[in-house]
Amino acid sequence: MTGPDQTSPWWTPRRYADRRPFLQARTAITRALRAWFEEQGFTEVETAVLQISPGNETHLHAPRTELRQADGSQATRFLRTSPEFACKKLLAAGEPKIYEFARVFRDRERGDLHLPEFTMLEWYRANAGYDAIMADTIVVIAHAAQATGIGRFSFRGKVADPFAEPELLTVAAGFERFAGIDLLATISGGEGDREALASAAREWVRIADDDTWSDIFSKVLVEHVEPNLGQGRLTVLFEYPSPEAALARTKAGEPRVAERFEVYACGVELANGFGELTDAAEQRHRFTAAMDEKARRYGERYPLDDDFLAAVGQMPEASGVALGFDRLVMLASGAPRIDQVVWMPPAGEP
């Protein structure tokens, strides 16, 4: 017996029937997580998709559009890559605990783990350290697995028990264990020493002449560290090097690392969290450097959201995390591909 005709539209009942169990799992997970956030005293928010700036990371790309104003003038807006800017403005406004199931958009991304339009589950705690949001993330993942009744996650031959005590691993320890690289020795004054890392990593990855410290770091991470994470149980990879701090603050007493963590299951990155930076001048400096690099690489740059930068300076100490909700549903439902856990495939795909 053959399966549904894959050349027929996705909404053909026989094809849709293959997806429906995964969508029922998605509904169950959404319901369970909303209940958990409510129990914890979080407020669900809905923030704007159209933004002045979609985010200011070098390698993230956002769709843009032109809005026609009432007076006939045009204003450029971007589809957000994350609700982070808006959520932090709400923290500055006084919201203590918030979460959002946010629709976000990214150009140049499509694959078994990537969609151009997807759901990001983000939440923030004011006046809480990043260990609190780290613990939240482990609980949220376990609640998703409990909602579907799955005993373990499985992806591409790797398995992970979402209920087991997670592995805690610093980035530096991961580089030492899986690539024999003393990562922190290549960082000084918060900056990466490109030549030092290139020398240490040369036998592990292919290095191009124009690769920066961050490029080399990413190659080692993706090729040699990440595939070994989240095997048997979840892995919390934390204390990212300060050149990769993004919107996280540096660790007190150790300027070479930042309060940033990621959570992995079966080698799949599920979440990226921060002890949030509240220094507006430092955030502007990081964004400007990232946009300079984007211009050098891709010939484009995104504007800075001055309103967001002002809010950064006013927001309380906080921690937050962005979790790829579709990826979590994929693992918790047993779906082999991420496009099977969304209600509709990307526009233009059959």
Foldseek 3Di string as FASTA:
>chain_A
DDADDPVDACPPVRNVVVLVLLQVLLVLLVVLVVVVCVVVPAAEDDDDQWALFQAQFQPWAWDKDWDQDPVRDIDITTGHQDCVLVVLLVLLVPHAKYKYQDWGATPPFDDLATARIATKIKMKGFPDFQVVVVVVVLVSLVSSLVSLVDQWFDAPHFIAGSPDDAAEAEPQRLCCVFQVDRQLVQDDPLDGNQVNLCVSCVVPDPDDPPQGNVNSSVRCCLPTRLQPAQGHHKYKYFFAASLPQRFAACDPPDNRTTGWIWIDHNSDTFKIKHQGQLQLVVNVVSSVVSQVSSCVPPVDGRDDDVVSSVSSNSRGGMMMMIGRSLVSSCRSSVPHGSQSNDPHGPPPRD
